PDB file of N, CA and C in Angstrom:
ATOM      1  N   MET A   1       2.682   4.772  31.716  1.00  0.00           N
ATOM      2  CA  MET A   1       2.966   3.651  30.987  1.00  0.00           C
ATOM      3  C   MET A   1       2.579   3.848  29.424  1.00  0.00           C
ATOM      4  N   LYS A   2       3.245   3.305  28.652  1.00  0.00           N
ATOM      5  CA  LYS A   2       3.288   3.561  27.089  1.00  0.00           C
ATOM      6  C   LYS A   2       2.266   2.783  26.678  1.00  0.00           C
ATOM      7  N   LYS A   3       1.526   3.055  25.645  1.00  0.00           N
ATOM      8  CA  LYS A   3       0.444   2.266  25.168  1.00  0.00           C
ATOM      9  C   LYS A   3       0.998   1.078  24.207  1.00  0.00           C
ATOM     10  N   PRO A   4       0.589  -0.033  24.402  1.00  0.00           N
ATOM     11  CA  PRO A   4       1.113  -1.274  23.516  1.00  0.00           C
ATOM     12  C   PRO A   4       1.174  -1.015  22.107  1.00  0.00           C
ATOM     13  N   THR A   5       0.023  -0.186  21.642  1.00  0.00           N
ATOM     14  CA  THR A   5      -0.161  -0.174  20.111  1.00  0.00           C
ATOM     15  C   THR A   5       1.240   0.704  19.710  1.00  0.00           C
ATOM     16  N   ASN A   6       1.889   1.681  20.426  1.00  0.00           N
ATOM     17  CA  ASN A   6       2.960   2.434  20.152  1.00  0.00           C
ATOM     18  C   ASN A   6       3.899   1.626  19.928  1.00  0.00           C
ATOM     19  N   LYS A   7       4.388   0.630  20.739  1.00  0.00           N
ATOM     20  CA  LYS A   7       5.409  -0.289  20.745  1.00  0.00           C
ATOM     21  C   LYS A   7       5.186  -1.338  19.537  1.00  0.00           C
ATOM     22  N   HIS A   8       3.994  -1.492  19.125  1.00  0.00           N
ATOM     23  CA  HIS A   8       3.728  -2.438  17.907  1.00  0.00           C
ATOM     24  C   HIS A   8       3.904  -1.557  16.784  1.00  0.00           C
ATOM     25  N   ASN A   9       3.413  -0.389  16.705  1.00  0.00           N
ATOM     26  CA  ASN A   9       3.754   0.289  15.706  1.00  0.00           C
ATOM     27  C   ASN A   9       5.230   0.611  15.362  1.00  0.00           C
ATOM     28  N   LEU A  10       5.878   0.956  16.581  1.00  0.00           N
ATOM     29  CA  LEU A  10       7.159   1.131  16.321  1.00  0.00           C
ATOM     30  C   LEU A  10       7.930   0.081  15.662  1.00  0.00           C
ATOM     31  N   GLU A  11       7.864  -1.330  16.127  1.00  0.00           N
ATOM     32  CA  GLU A  11       8.297  -2.252  15.740  1.00  0.00           C
ATOM     33  C   GLU A  11       8.121  -2.814  14.156  1.00  0.00           C
ATOM     34  N   ARG A  12       6.884  -2.461  13.768  1.00  0.00           N
ATOM     35  CA  ARG A  12       6.408  -2.619  12.567  1.00  0.00           C
ATOM     36  C   ARG A  12       7.214  -1.382  11.758  1.00  0.00           C
ATOM     37  N   GLU A  13       7.327  -0.327  12.008  1.00  0.00           N
ATOM     38  CA  GLU A  13       7.954   0.752  11.231  1.00  0.00           C
ATOM     39  C   GLU A  13       9.440   0.402  11.076  1.00  0.00           C
ATOM     40  N   ILE A  14      10.099   0.019  12.005  1.00  0.00           N
ATOM     41  CA  ILE A  14      11.570  -0.427  12.107  1.00  0.00           C
ATOM     42  C   ILE A  14      11.513  -1.512  11.023  1.00  0.00           C
ATOM     43  N   LYS A  15      10.450  -2.444  11.191  1.00  0.00           N
ATOM     44  CA  LYS A  15      10.834  -3.648  10.131  1.00  0.00           C
ATOM     45  C   LYS A  15      10.482  -3.257   8.709  1.00  0.00           C
ATOM     46  N   SER A  16       9.619  -2.578   8.452  1.00  0.00           N
ATOM     47  CA  SER A  16       9.366  -1.739   7.205  1.00  0.00           C
ATOM     48  C   SER A  16      10.721  -0.976   6.737  1.00  0.00           C
ATOM     49  N   LEU A  17      11.124  -0.120   7.510  1.00  0.00           N
ATOM     50  CA  LEU A  17      12.240   0.869   7.078  1.00  0.00           C
ATOM     51  C   LEU A  17      13.336  -0.155   6.693  1.00  0.00           C
ATOM     52  N   SER A  18      13.739  -1.384   7.498  1.00  0.00           N
ATOM     53  CA  SER A  18      14.546  -2.133   7.169  1.00  0.00           C
ATOM     54  C   SER A  18      14.530  -2.900   5.918  1.00  0.00           C
ATOM     55  N   PHE A  19      13.341  -3.406   5.746  1.00  0.00           N
ATOM     56  CA  PHE A  19      13.151  -3.971   4.401  1.00  0.00           C
ATOM     57  C   PHE A  19      13.313  -3.360   3.319  1.00  0.00           C
ATOM     58  N   TRP A  20      12.898  -1.875   3.511  1.00  0.00           N
ATOM     59  CA  TRP A  20      12.957  -0.833   2.090  1.00  0.00           C
ATOM     60  C   TRP A  20      14.290  -0.536   1.944  1.00  0.00           C
ATOM     61  N   LEU A  21      15.202  -0.507   3.153  1.00  0.00           N
ATOM     62  CA  LEU A  21      16.842  -0.250   2.973  1.00  0.00           C
ATOM     63  C   LEU A  21      17.243  -1.341   2.292  1.00  0.00           C
ATOM     64  N   ILE A  22      16.993  -2.340   2.629  1.00  0.00           N
ATOM     65  CA  ILE A  22      17.660  -3.674   1.997  1.00  0.00           C
ATOM     66  C   ILE A  22      17.192  -3.553   0.329  1.00  0.00           C
ATOM     67  N   VAL A  23      15.990  -3.426   0.182  1.00  0.00           N
ATOM     68  CA  VAL A  23      15.527  -3.538  -1.217  1.00  0.00           C
ATOM     69  C   VAL A  23      16.183  -2.360  -1.969  1.00  0.00           C
ATOM     70  N   ILE A  24      16.272  -1.168  -1.491  1.00  0.00           N
ATOM     71  CA  ILE A  24      16.886   0.080  -2.263  1.00  0.00           C
ATOM     72  C   ILE A  24      18.275  -0.274  -2.426  1.00  0.00           C
ATOM     73  N   GLY A  25      18.977  -0.630  -1.441  1.00  0.00           N
ATOM     74  CA  GLY A  25      20.403  -1.192  -1.462  1.00  0.00           C
ATOM     75  C   GLY A  25      20.555  -2.192  -2.754  1.00  0.00           C
ATOM     76  N   ILE A  26      19.895  -3.050  -2.870  1.00  0.00           N
ATOM     77  CA  ILE A  26      19.966  -4.078  -3.727  1.00  0.00           C
ATOM     78  C   ILE A  26      19.753  -3.444  -5.425  1.00  0.00           C
ATOM     79  N   ILE A  27      18.767  -2.523  -5.404  1.00  0.00           N
ATOM     80  CA  ILE A  27      18.693  -1.812  -6.546  1.00  0.00           C
ATOM     81  C   ILE A  27      19.961  -1.011  -6.789  1.00  0.00           C
ATOM     82  N   HIS A  28      20.451  -0.293  -5.954  1.00  0.00           N
ATOM     83  CA  HIS A  28      21.662   0.561  -6.101  1.00  0.00           C
ATOM     84  C   HIS A  28      22.968  -0.435  -6.577  1.00  0.00           C
ATOM     85  N   ILE A  29      23.074  -1.736  -6.089  1.00  0.00           N
ATOM     86  CA  ILE A  29      24.205  -2.309  -6.574  1.00  0.00           C
ATOM     87  C   ILE A  29      23.613  -2.997  -7.821  1.00  0.00           C
ATOM     88  N   VAL A  30      22.553  -3.421  -8.286  1.00  0.00           N
ATOM     89  CA  VAL A  30      22.316  -3.820  -9.504  1.00  0.00           C
ATOM     90  C   VAL A  30      22.263  -2.943 -10.545  1.00  0.00           C
ATOM     91  N   ALA A  31      21.978  -1.602 -10.224  1.00  0.00           N
ATOM     92  CA  ALA A  31      21.938  -0.381 -11.174  1.00  0.00           C
ATOM     93  C   ALA A  31      23.428   0.272 -10.922  1.00  0.00           C
ATOM     94  N   ALA A  32      24.465  -0.400 -10.667  1.00  0.00           N
ATOM     95  CA  ALA A  32      25.716   0.430 -10.193  1.00  0.00           C
ATOM     96  C   ALA A  32      26.212   1.349 -11.201  1.00  0.00           C
ATOM     97  N   GLY A  33      25.854   1.173 -12.553  1.00  0.00           N
ATOM     98  CA  GLY A  33      26.490   2.298 -13.321  1.00  0.00           C
ATOM     99  C   GLY A  33      25.553   3.573 -13.364  1.00  0.00           C
ATOM    100  N   PHE A  34      24.428   3.632 -12.675  1.00  0.00           N
ATOM    101  CA  PHE A  34      23.523   4.673 -12.572  1.00  0.00           C
ATOM    102  C   PHE A  34      23.376   5.236 -11.392  1.00  0.00           C
ATOM    103  N   LEU A  35      23.291   4.201 -10.402  1.00  0.00           N
ATOM    104  CA  LEU A  35      23.410   4.524  -8.917  1.00  0.00           C
ATOM    105  C   LEU A  35      24.653   4.186  -8.141  1.00  0.00           C
ATOM    106  N   SER A  36      24.704   4.454  -7.005  1.00  0.00           N
ATOM    107  CA  SER A  36      26.083   4.193  -6.271  1.00  0.00           C
ATOM    108  C   SER A  36      26.084   2.778  -5.575  1.00  0.00           C
ATOM    109  N   PHE A  37      27.184   2.188  -6.129  1.00  0.00           N
ATOM    110  CA  PHE A  37      27.415   0.645  -5.537  1.00  0.00           C
ATOM    111  C   PHE A  37      27.630   1.005  -3.857  1.00  0.00           C
ATOM    112  N   PHE A  38      28.517   2.033  -3.492  1.00  0.00           N
ATOM    113  CA  PHE A  38      28.767   2.134  -2.252  1.00  0.00           C
ATOM    114  C   PHE A  38      27.676   2.354  -1.343  1.00  0.00           C
ATOM    115  N   TRP A  39      26.606   3.223  -1.768  1.00  0.00           N
ATOM    116  CA  TRP A  39      25.486   3.675  -1.092  1.00  0.00           C
ATOM    117  C   TRP A  39      24.671   2.129  -1.123  1.00  0.00           C
ATOM    118  N   GLY A  40      24.702   1.383  -2.105  1.00  0.00           N
ATOM    119  CA  GLY A  40      24.025   0.204  -1.976  1.00  0.00           C
ATOM    120  C   GLY A  40      24.394  -0.680  -0.939  1.00  0.00           C
ATOM    121  N   PHE A  41      25.784  -0.820  -0.786  1.00  0.00           N
ATOM    122  CA  PHE A  41      26.477  -1.534   0.264  1.00  0.00           C
ATOM    123  C   PHE A  41      26.117  -1.033   1.829  1.00  0.00           C
ATOM    124  N   VAL A  42      25.985   0.218   1.947  1.00  0.00           N
ATOM    125  CA  VAL A  42      25.787   1.005   2.940  1.00  0.00           C
ATOM    126  C   VAL A  42      24.178   0.719   3.315  1.00  0.00           C
ATOM    127  N   LEU A  43      23.485   0.872   2.613  1.00  0.00           N
ATOM    128  CA  LEU A  43      21.847   0.546   2.965  1.00  0.00           C
ATOM    129  C   LEU A  43      21.705  -0.778   3.056  1.00  0.00           C
ATOM    130  N   ILE A  44      22.074  -1.703   2.690  1.00  0.00           N
ATOM    131  CA  ILE A  44      22.004  -3.184   3.022  1.00  0.00           C
ATOM    132  C   ILE A  44      22.584  -3.315   4.224  1.00  0.00           C
ATOM    133  N   ALA A  45      23.626  -2.970   4.684  1.00  0.00           N
ATOM    134  CA  ALA A  45      24.203  -3.144   5.814  1.00  0.00           C
ATOM    135  C   ALA A  45      23.292  -2.594   7.012  1.00  0.00           C
ATOM    136  N   PHE A  46      22.903  -1.261   6.874  1.00  0.00           N
ATOM    137  CA  PHE A  46      22.106  -0.742   7.678  1.00  0.00           C
ATOM    138  C   PHE A  46      20.983  -1.287   7.925  1.00  0.00           C
ATOM    139  N   GLY A  47      20.179  -1.825   6.802  1.00  0.00           N
ATOM    140  CA  GLY A  47      18.974  -2.507   6.739  1.00  0.00           C
ATOM    141  C   GLY A  47      19.077  -3.696   7.529  1.00  0.00           C
ATOM    142  N   ILE A  48      20.090  -4.520   7.541  1.00  0.00           N
ATOM    143  CA  ILE A  48      20.425  -5.692   8.069  1.00  0.00           C
ATOM    144  C   ILE A  48      20.362  -5.495   9.779  1.00  0.00           C
ATOM    145  N   PHE A  49      21.377  -4.293  10.063  1.00  0.00           N
ATOM    146  CA  PHE A  49      21.610  -3.929  11.434  1.00  0.00           C
ATOM    147  C   PHE A  49      20.441  -3.598  11.919  1.00  0.00           C
ATOM    148  N   SER A  50      19.545  -2.793  11.249  1.00  0.00           N
ATOM    149  CA  SER A  50      18.065  -2.295  11.698  1.00  0.00           C
ATOM    150  C   SER A  50      17.276  -3.643  12.136  1.00  0.00           C
ATOM    151  N   LEU A  51      17.187  -4.442  11.283  1.00  0.00           N
ATOM    152  CA  LEU A  51      16.331  -5.861  11.609  1.00  0.00           C
ATOM    153  C   LEU A  51      16.780  -6.437  12.942  1.00  0.00           C
ATOM    154  N   ILE A  52      18.224  -6.450  12.811  1.00  0.00           N
ATOM    155  CA  ILE A  52      18.920  -7.203  14.192  1.00  0.00           C
ATOM    156  C   ILE A  52      18.619  -6.448  15.434  1.00  0.00           C
ATOM    157  N   SER A  53      18.789  -5.090  15.420  1.00  0.00           N
ATOM    158  CA  SER A  53      18.919  -4.277  16.724  1.00  0.00           C
ATOM    159  C   SER A  53      17.421  -4.109  17.228  1.00  0.00           C
ATOM    160  N   LYS A  54      16.521  -3.576  16.183  1.00  0.00           N
ATOM    161  CA  LYS A  54      15.252  -3.229  16.459  1.00  0.00           C
ATOM    162  C   LYS A  54      15.101  -2.217  17.627  1.00  0.00           C
ATOM    163  N   ARG A  55      16.141  -1.019  17.572  1.00  0.00           N
ATOM    164  CA  ARG A  55      16.033  -0.042  18.547  1.00  0.00           C
ATOM    165  C   ARG A  55      15.800   1.112  18.044  1.00  0.00           C
ATOM    166  N   ILE A  56      15.448   2.133  18.617  1.00  0.00           N
ATOM    167  CA  ILE A  56      14.875   3.383  18.010  1.00  0.00           C
ATOM    168  C   ILE A  56      16.235   4.399  17.470  1.00  0.00           C
ATOM    169  N   ILE A  57      17.318   3.763  17.781  1.00  0.00           N
ATOM    170  CA  ILE A  57      18.598   4.574  17.272  1.00  0.00           C
ATOM    171  C   ILE A  57      18.632   4.607  15.703  1.00  0.00           C
ATOM    172  N   VAL A  58      17.809   3.509  15.249  1.00  0.00           N
ATOM    173  CA  VAL A  58      17.880   3.206  13.771  1.00  0.00           C
ATOM    174  C   VAL A  58      17.224   4.528  13.129  1.00  0.00           C
ATOM    175  N   PHE A  59      16.461   5.243  13.854  1.00  0.00           N
ATOM    176  CA  PHE A  59      15.832   6.529  13.022  1.00  0.00           C
ATOM    177  C   PHE A  59      16.693   7.550  13.012  1.00  0.00           C
ATOM    178  N   LEU A  60      17.619   7.721  13.994  1.00  0.00           N
ATOM    179  CA  LEU A  60      18.581   8.868  14.061  1.00  0.00           C
ATOM    180  C   LEU A  60      19.646   8.392  13.115  1.00  0.00           C
ATOM    181  N   ILE A  61      20.003   7.243  13.126  1.00  0.00           N
ATOM    182  CA  ILE A  61      21.030   6.858  11.879  1.00  0.00           C
ATOM    183  C   ILE A  61      20.481   7.085  10.572  1.00  0.00           C
ATOM    184  N   PHE A  62      19.371   6.601  10.478  1.00  0.00           N
ATOM    185  CA  PHE A  62      18.783   6.739   9.029  1.00  0.00           C
ATOM    186  C   PHE A  62      18.820   8.168   8.639  1.00  0.00           C
ATOM    187  N   GLY A  63      18.243   9.094   9.777  1.00  0.00           N
ATOM    188  CA  GLY A  63      18.157  10.490   9.447  1.00  0.00           C
ATOM    189  C   GLY A  63      19.582  11.053   8.892  1.00  0.00           C
ATOM    190  N   ILE A  64      20.515  10.708   9.617  1.00  0.00           N
ATOM    191  CA  ILE A  64      21.741  11.193   9.464  1.00  0.00           C
ATOM    192  C   ILE A  64      22.358  10.675   7.960  1.00  0.00           C
ATOM    193  N   LEU A  65      22.099   9.545   7.800  1.00  0.00           N
ATOM    194  CA  LEU A  65      22.344   8.876   6.466  1.00  0.00           C
ATOM    195  C   LEU A  65      21.806   9.606   5.368  1.00  0.00           C
ATOM    196  N   ILE A  66      20.498   9.627   5.506  1.00  0.00           N
ATOM    197  CA  ILE A  66      19.741  10.462   4.239  1.00  0.00           C
ATOM    198  C   ILE A  66      20.199  11.879   4.134  1.00  0.00           C
ATOM    199  N   ILE A  67      20.426  12.426   5.280  1.00  0.00           N
ATOM    200  CA  ILE A  67      21.092  14.018   5.188  1.00  0.00           C
ATOM    201  C   ILE A  67      22.220  13.976   4.518  1.00  0.00           C
ATOM    202  N   ILE A  68      23.219  12.903   4.600  1.00  0.00           N
ATOM    203  CA  ILE A  68      24.424  12.805   4.009  1.00  0.00           C
ATOM    204  C   ILE A  68      24.251  12.531   2.574  1.00  0.00           C
ATOM    205  N   ALA A  69      23.429  11.626   2.153  1.00  0.00           N
ATOM    206  CA  ALA A  69      23.145  11.316   0.825  1.00  0.00           C
ATOM    207  C   ALA A  69      22.436  12.344   0.246  1.00  0.00           C
ATOM    208  N   GLY A  70      21.635  13.236   0.773  1.00  0.00           N
ATOM    209  CA  GLY A  70      21.012  14.508   0.109  1.00  0.00           C
ATOM    210  C   GLY A  70      21.744  15.510   0.138  1.00  0.00           C
ATOM    211  N   LEU A  71      22.835  15.767   0.801  1.00  0.00           N
ATOM    212  CA  LEU A  71      23.912  16.780   0.733  1.00  0.00           C
ATOM    213  C   LEU A  71      24.958  16.505  -0.717  1.00  0.00           C
ATOM    214  N   SER A  72      25.041  14.899  -0.518  1.00  0.00           N
ATOM    215  CA  SER A  72      25.998  14.610  -1.713  1.00  0.00           C
ATOM    216  C   SER A  72      25.385  14.804  -3.061  1.00  0.00           C
ATOM    217  N   ASN A  73      24.061  14.433  -2.988  1.00  0.00           N
ATOM    218  CA  ASN A  73      23.290  14.701  -4.414  1.00  0.00           C
ATOM    219  C   ASN A  73      23.102  16.172  -4.601  1.00  0.00           C
ATOM    220  N   LEU A  74      22.922  16.938  -3.455  1.00  0.00           N
ATOM    221  CA  LEU A  74      22.624  18.382  -3.850  1.00  0.00           C
ATOM    222  C   LEU A  74      23.914  19.060  -4.178  1.00  0.00           C
ATOM    223  N   SER A  75      25.167  18.780  -3.476  1.00  0.00           N
ATOM    224  CA  SER A  75      26.548  19.257  -3.912  1.00  0.00           C
ATOM    225  C   SER A  75      26.859  18.912  -5.168  1.00  0.00           C
ATOM    226  N   ASN A  76      26.657  17.651  -5.655  1.00  0.00           N
ATOM    227  CA  ASN A  76      27.297  17.226  -6.906  1.00  0.00           C
ATOM    228  C   ASN A  76      26.426  17.717  -8.003  1.00  0.00           C
ATOM    229  N   SER A  77      25.129  17.903  -7.822  1.00  0.00           N
ATOM    230  CA  SER A  77      24.528  18.620  -8.911  1.00  0.00           C
ATOM    231  C   SER A  77      24.515  20.074  -8.995  1.00  0.00           C
ATOM    232  N   LEU A  78      24.746  20.693  -7.995  1.00  0.00           N
ATOM    233  CA  LEU A  78      25.139  22.085  -8.095  1.00  0.00           C
ATOM    234  C   LEU A  78      26.622  22.220  -8.673  1.00  0.00           C
ATOM    235  N   LEU A  79      27.474  21.587  -8.336  1.00  0.00           N
ATOM    236  CA  LEU A  79      28.766  21.592  -8.947  1.00  0.00           C
ATOM    237  C   LEU A  79      28.769  21.347 -10.678  1.00  0.00           C
ATOM    238  N   GLU A  80      27.963  20.321 -10.865  1.00  0.00           N
ATOM    239  CA  GLU A  80      27.630  19.901 -12.320  1.00  0.00           C
ATOM    240  C   GLU A  80      27.178  21.090 -12.870  1.00  0.00           C
ATOM    241  N   ILE A  81      26.053  21.875 -12.344  1.00  0.00           N
ATOM    242  CA  ILE A  81      25.201  22.932 -12.955  1.00  0.00           C
ATOM    243  C   ILE A  81      26.266  24.047 -13.184  1.00  0.00           C
ATOM    244  N   ALA A  82      27.044  24.323 -12.134  1.00  0.00           N
ATOM    245  CA  ALA A  82      27.910  25.460 -12.023  1.00  0.00           C
ATOM    246  C   ALA A  82      29.081  25.253 -13.175  1.00  0.00           C
ATOM    247  N   TYR A  83      29.689  24.138 -13.374  1.00  0.00           N
ATOM    248  CA  TYR A  83      30.938  24.000 -14.014  1.00  0.00           C
ATOM    249  C   TYR A  83      30.599  23.418 -15.538  1.00  0.00           C
ATOM    250  N   TYR A  84      29.620  22.568 -15.523  1.00  0.00           N
ATOM    251  CA  TYR A  84      29.287  21.917 -16.915  1.00  0.00           C
ATOM    252  C   TYR A  84      27.884  22.348 -17.570  1.00  0.00           C
ATOM    253  N   SER A  85      27.291  23.443 -16.887  1.00  0.00           N
ATOM    254  CA  SER A  85      25.873  23.842 -17.516  1.00  0.00           C
ATOM    255  C   SER A  85      24.877  22.922 -17.194  1.00  0.00           C
ATOM    256  N   GLY A  86      25.289  21.684 -16.455  1.00  0.00           N
ATOM    257  CA  GLY A  86      24.152  20.922 -16.252  1.00  0.00           C
ATOM    258  C   GLY A  86      23.405  20.132 -17.178  1.00  0.00           C
ATOM    259  N   SER A  87      22.502  19.195 -16.941  1.00  0.00           N
ATOM    260  CA  SER A  87      21.476  18.703 -17.647  1.00  0.00           C
ATOM    261  C   SER A  87      20.242  18.685 -16.838  1.00  0.00           C
ATOM    262  N   GLY A  88      19.190  18.016 -17.651  1.00  0.00           N
ATOM    263  CA  GLY A  88      17.982  17.600 -16.804  1.00  0.00           C
ATOM    264  C   GLY A  88      18.055  17.021 -15.634  1.00  0.00           C
ATOM    265  N   PHE A  89      18.838  15.821 -15.676  1.00  0.00           N
ATOM    266  CA  PHE A  89      19.192  15.070 -14.492  1.00  0.00           C
ATOM    267  C   PHE A  89      19.626  15.799 -13.436  1.00  0.00           C
ATOM    268  N   SER A  90      20.698  16.701 -13.578  1.00  0.00           N
ATOM    269  CA  SER A  90      21.412  17.534 -12.604  1.00  0.00           C
ATOM    270  C   SER A  90      20.327  18.298 -11.601  1.00  0.00           C
ATOM    271  N   TYR A  91      19.269  18.790 -12.395  1.00  0.00           N
ATOM    272  CA  TYR A  91      18.107  19.579 -11.540  1.00  0.00           C
ATOM    273  C   TYR A  91      17.317  18.382 -10.786  1.00  0.00           C
ATOM    274  N   LEU A  92      17.151  17.227 -11.439  1.00  0.00           N
ATOM    275  CA  LEU A  92      16.270  16.063 -10.846  1.00  0.00           C
ATOM    276  C   LEU A  92      16.928  15.576  -9.540  1.00  0.00           C
ATOM    277  N   TRP A  93      18.458  15.563  -9.673  1.00  0.00           N
ATOM    278  CA  TRP A  93      19.193  15.176  -8.503  1.00  0.00           C
ATOM    279  C   TRP A  93      19.150  16.186  -7.491  1.00  0.00           C
ATOM    280  N   MET A  94      19.196  17.425  -7.943  1.00  0.00           N
ATOM    281  CA  MET A  94      19.066  18.522  -6.896  1.00  0.00           C
ATOM    282  C   MET A  94      17.766  18.544  -6.187  1.00  0.00           C
ATOM    283  N   ILE A  95      16.844  18.438  -6.566  1.00  0.00           N
ATOM    284  CA  ILE A  95      15.496  18.501  -6.124  1.00  0.00           C
ATOM    285  C   ILE A  95      15.475  17.041  -5.198  1.00  0.00           C
ATOM    286  N   LEU A  96      16.023  15.964  -5.494  1.00  0.00           N
ATOM    287  CA  LEU A  96      16.116  14.818  -4.822  1.00  0.00           C
ATOM    288  C   LEU A  96      16.685  14.955  -3.736  1.00  0.00           C
ATOM    289  N   GLY A  97      17.955  15.734  -3.692  1.00  0.00           N
ATOM    290  CA  GLY A  97      18.878  16.132  -2.661  1.00  0.00           C
ATOM    291  C   GLY A  97      18.088  16.849  -1.652  1.00  0.00           C
ATOM    292  N   GLY A  98      17.508  18.022  -2.153  1.00  0.00           N
ATOM    293  CA  GLY A  98      16.672  18.756  -1.059  1.00  0.00           C
ATOM    294  C   GLY A  98      15.508  17.804  -0.323  1.00  0.00           C
ATOM    295  N   PHE A  99      15.037  16.993  -1.201  1.00  0.00           N
ATOM    296  CA  PHE A  99      13.876  16.107  -0.476  1.00  0.00           C
ATOM    297  C   PHE A  99      14.452  15.113   0.673  1.00  0.00           C
ATOM    298  N   GLN A 100      15.778  14.574   0.127  1.00  0.00           N
ATOM    299  CA  GLN A 100      16.336  13.828   1.214  1.00  0.00           C
ATOM    300  C   GLN A 100      16.667  14.385   2.256  1.00  0.00           C
ATOM    301  N   ILE A 101      17.399  15.809   2.363  1.00  0.00           N
ATOM    302  CA  ILE A 101      17.670  16.617   3.552  1.00  0.00           C
ATOM    303  C   ILE A 101      16.516  16.677   4.336  1.00  0.00           C
ATOM    304  N   TRP A 102      15.138  17.196   3.755  1.00  0.00           N
ATOM    305  CA  TRP A 102      14.078  17.411   4.565  1.00  0.00           C
ATOM    306  C   TRP A 102      13.616  16.013   5.200  1.00  0.00           C
ATOM    307  N   TRP A 103      13.678  15.022   4.512  1.00  0.00           N
ATOM    308  CA  TRP A 103      13.331  13.723   5.097  1.00  0.00           C
ATOM    309  C   TRP A 103      14.241  13.314   6.069  1.00  0.00           C
ATOM    310  N   GLY A 104      15.511  13.357   6.115  1.00  0.00           N
ATOM    311  CA  GLY A 104      16.576  13.298   7.078  1.00  0.00           C
ATOM    312  C   GLY A 104      16.377  13.975   8.449  1.00  0.00           C
ATOM    313  N   VAL A 105      15.998  15.151   8.272  1.00  0.00           N
ATOM    314  CA  VAL A 105      15.831  16.113   9.303  1.00  0.00           C
ATOM    315  C   VAL A 105      14.255  15.300   9.955  1.00  0.00           C
ATOM    316  N   ASN A 106      13.420  15.031   9.433  1.00  0.00           N
ATOM    317  CA  ASN A 106      12.140  14.694   9.930  1.00  0.00           C
ATOM    318  C   ASN A 106      12.278  13.306  10.576  1.00  0.00           C
ATOM    319  N   GLU A 107      13.211  12.527  10.053  1.00  0.00           N
ATOM    320  CA  GLU A 107      13.607  11.199  10.946  1.00  0.00           C
ATOM    321  C   GLU A 107      14.275  11.613  12.178  1.00  0.00           C
ATOM    322  N   ILE A 108      15.144  12.360  12.221  1.00  0.00           N
ATOM    323  CA  ILE A 108      15.697  13.023  13.403  1.00  0.00           C
ATOM    324  C   ILE A 108      14.668  13.691  14.520  1.00  0.00           C
ATOM    325  N   ILE A 109      13.837  14.351  13.917  1.00  0.00           N
ATOM    326  CA  ILE A 109      12.881  14.910  14.829  1.00  0.00           C
ATOM    327  C   ILE A 109      11.846  13.803  15.204  1.00  0.00           C
ATOM    328  N   LYS A 110      11.577  12.603  14.528  1.00  0.00           N
ATOM    329  CA  LYS A 110      10.977  11.487  14.933  1.00  0.00           C
ATOM    330  C   LYS A 110      11.527  10.745  15.840  1.00  0.00           C
ATOM    331  N   TYR A 111      12.889  10.478  15.875  1.00  0.00           N
ATOM    332  CA  TYR A 111      13.524   9.836  16.680  1.00  0.00           C
ATOM    333  C   TYR A 111      13.461  10.780  18.106  1.00  0.00           C
ATOM    334  N   GLY A 112      13.453  11.818  18.303  1.00  0.00           N
ATOM    335  CA  GLY A 112      13.510  12.782  19.281  1.00  0.00           C
ATOM    336  C   GLY A 112      12.047  12.484  20.053  1.00  0.00           C
ATOM    337  N   LYS A 113      11.060  12.541  19.320  1.00  0.00           N
ATOM    338  CA  LYS A 113       9.738  12.308  19.937  1.00  0.00           C
ATOM    339  C   LYS A 113       9.449  11.096  20.590  1.00  0.00           C
ATOM    340  N   ILE A 114       9.994   9.940  19.739  1.00  0.00           N
ATOM    341  CA  ILE A 114       9.909   8.794  20.258  1.00  0.00           C
ATOM    342  C   ILE A 114      10.806   8.491  21.569  1.00  0.00           C
ATOM    343  N   ARG A 115      11.999   9.031  21.620  1.00  0.00           N
ATOM    344  CA  ARG A 115      12.637   9.098  22.975  1.00  0.00           C
ATOM    345  C   ARG A 115      12.043   9.889  24.164  1.00  0.00           C
ATOM    346  N   LYS A 116      11.338  10.924  23.618  1.00  0.00           N
ATOM    347  CA  LYS A 116      10.541  11.488  24.834  1.00  0.00           C
ATOM    348  C   LYS A 116       9.343  10.826  25.200  1.00  0.00           C
ATOM    349  N   GLY A 117       8.892   9.666  24.457  1.00  0.00           N
ATOM    350  CA  GLY A 117       7.667   9.049  24.584  1.00  0.00           C
ATOM    351  C   GLY A 117       6.514   9.528  23.995  1.00  0.00           C
ATOM    352  N   LYS A 118       6.523  10.460  23.092  1.00  0.00           N
ATOM    353  CA  LYS A 118       5.506  11.092  22.246  1.00  0.00           C
ATOM    354  C   LYS A 118       5.141  10.218  21.029  1.00  0.00           C
ATOM    355  N   ASN A 119       3.858  10.279  20.461  1.00  0.00           N
ATOM    356  CA  ASN A 119       3.371   9.538  19.516  1.00  0.00           C
ATOM    357  C   ASN A 119       4.270  10.251  18.245  1.00  0.00           C
ATOM    358  N   PHE A 120       4.448   9.532  17.276  1.00  0.00           N
ATOM    359  CA  PHE A 120       5.119   9.877  15.988  1.00  0.00           C
ATOM    360  C   PHE A 120       4.287   9.991  14.825  1.00  0.00           C
TER     361      PHE A 120
END
């Protein structure tokens, strides 16, 4: 039998993740000239889905989404550096992309641990 605190912690973490996805999505839409309007919409939609579903699958989906965003940031930065000599922001986005990939992989690992009934 699983501890009730694990379920409570899981629900709290899903709620927190959902809230921050919506907030970051709104920031993306408001700052659409600097950030991606498309990703803002995706983040808000997924945040709402996470709030409604409250299932552990949100960790897997979030992990995949953040890896895709990281790969996009990383590849765009590398292309900008290779073809246009880049700028300071290119390197910043490259570092952010690497961090997002690492974070996404950890979310997928967390999903696997939760499915196996382990603490996360």
